[in-house]
């Protein structure tokens, strides 16, 4: 099993992107079931400077792309 982190932070993404991906309160509650449509085992960490998904998976070759699709669906960003 591998632990993988995919996300955006203040070094890698402008504030406009981070704001679209930021999750708090009810948004996290809504996002978790959506995340589990993409991965079996995952959690979301969202602060003012970053939003990350931590996953446990056997295969990681397509995981970054899969989480990218989750972020896209969540935010409406391409």
Protein backbone atom coordinates (compact mmCIF):
# COMPACT_ATOMS: atom_id res chain seq x y z
CA UNK A 1 0.00 0.00 0.00
CA UNK A 2 1.12 3.54 -0.77
CA UNK A 3 0.14 6.83 0.80
CA UNK A 4 -0.16 9.59 -1.80
CA UNK A 5 -0.76 13.31 -1.37
CA UNK A 6 -2.15 15.43 -4.21
CA UNK A 7 -3.02 19.06 -3.74
CA UNK A 8 -2.36 22.73 -4.18
CA UNK A 9 -0.58 25.13 -1.87
CA UNK A 10 0.64 28.72 -1.73
CA UNK A 11 3.84 27.79 -3.58
CA UNK A 12 2.17 25.95 -6.45
CA UNK A 13 -1.10 27.78 -7.11
CA UNK A 14 -2.31 31.39 -7.16
CA UNK A 15 -4.77 32.54 -4.54
CA UNK A 16 -7.66 32.47 -7.04
CA UNK A 17 -7.20 28.72 -7.55
CA UNK A 18 -6.75 28.03 -3.84
CA UNK A 19 -9.94 29.95 -3.08
CA UNK A 20 -11.91 27.81 -5.55
CA UNK A 21 -10.58 24.63 -3.91
CA UNK A 22 -10.85 25.78 -0.29
CA UNK A 23 -13.26 23.73 1.79
CA UNK A 24 -14.69 24.56 5.19
CA UNK A 25 -17.54 23.32 7.33
CA UNK A 26 -20.40 22.06 5.18
CA UNK A 27 -18.28 22.04 2.01
CA UNK A 28 -16.00 19.34 3.46
CA UNK A 29 -19.04 17.29 4.45
CA UNK A 30 -20.30 17.53 0.86
CA UNK A 31 -16.89 16.86 -0.71
CA UNK A 32 -16.05 13.64 1.14
CA UNK A 33 -18.73 11.48 -0.53
CA UNK A 34 -17.65 12.94 -3.88
CA UNK A 35 -14.02 12.04 -3.12
CA UNK A 36 -15.03 8.46 -2.41
CA UNK A 37 -16.41 8.23 -5.95
CA UNK A 38 -12.79 8.64 -7.07
CA UNK A 39 -10.81 6.75 -4.40
CA UNK A 40 -11.69 4.10 -1.83
CA UNK A 41 -9.58 5.48 1.01
CA UNK A 42 -8.97 9.20 1.21
CA UNK A 43 -9.19 12.27 3.40
CA UNK A 44 -9.19 15.99 2.65
CA UNK A 45 -7.07 18.60 4.39
CA UNK A 46 -8.00 22.20 3.64
CA UNK A 47 -6.46 25.27 5.26
CA UNK A 48 -6.09 28.89 4.16
CA UNK A 49 -2.89 28.01 2.26
CA UNK A 50 -3.57 24.55 0.87
CA UNK A 51 -6.08 21.89 -0.06
CA UNK A 52 -4.77 18.35 -0.20
CA UNK A 53 -6.14 14.86 -0.63
CA UNK A 54 -4.37 12.03 1.17
CA UNK A 55 -5.05 8.57 -0.29
CA UNK A 56 -4.05 5.00 0.34
CA UNK A 57 -3.81 2.89 -2.79
CA UNK A 58 -2.08 -0.15 -4.17
CA UNK A 59 -1.60 1.37 -7.62
CA UNK A 60 -0.51 4.98 -7.94
CA UNK A 61 0.14 5.32 -11.66
CA UNK A 62 -3.16 7.13 -12.38
CA UNK A 63 -3.90 8.50 -8.92
CA UNK A 64 -2.69 12.04 -9.59
CA UNK A 65 -4.94 12.27 -12.66
CA UNK A 66 -7.86 10.78 -10.72
CA UNK A 67 -7.54 13.31 -7.90
CA UNK A 68 -7.17 16.04 -10.52
CA UNK A 69 -10.58 15.04 -11.89
CA UNK A 70 -12.00 15.20 -8.35
CA UNK A 71 -10.58 18.72 -7.87
CA UNK A 72 -11.94 19.76 -11.27
CA UNK A 73 -15.43 18.51 -10.45
CA UNK A 74 -15.28 20.11 -7.02
CA UNK A 75 -14.17 23.53 -8.23
CA UNK A 76 -15.32 23.79 -11.83
CA UNK A 77 -11.72 24.44 -12.89
CA UNK A 78 -10.29 22.54 -15.89
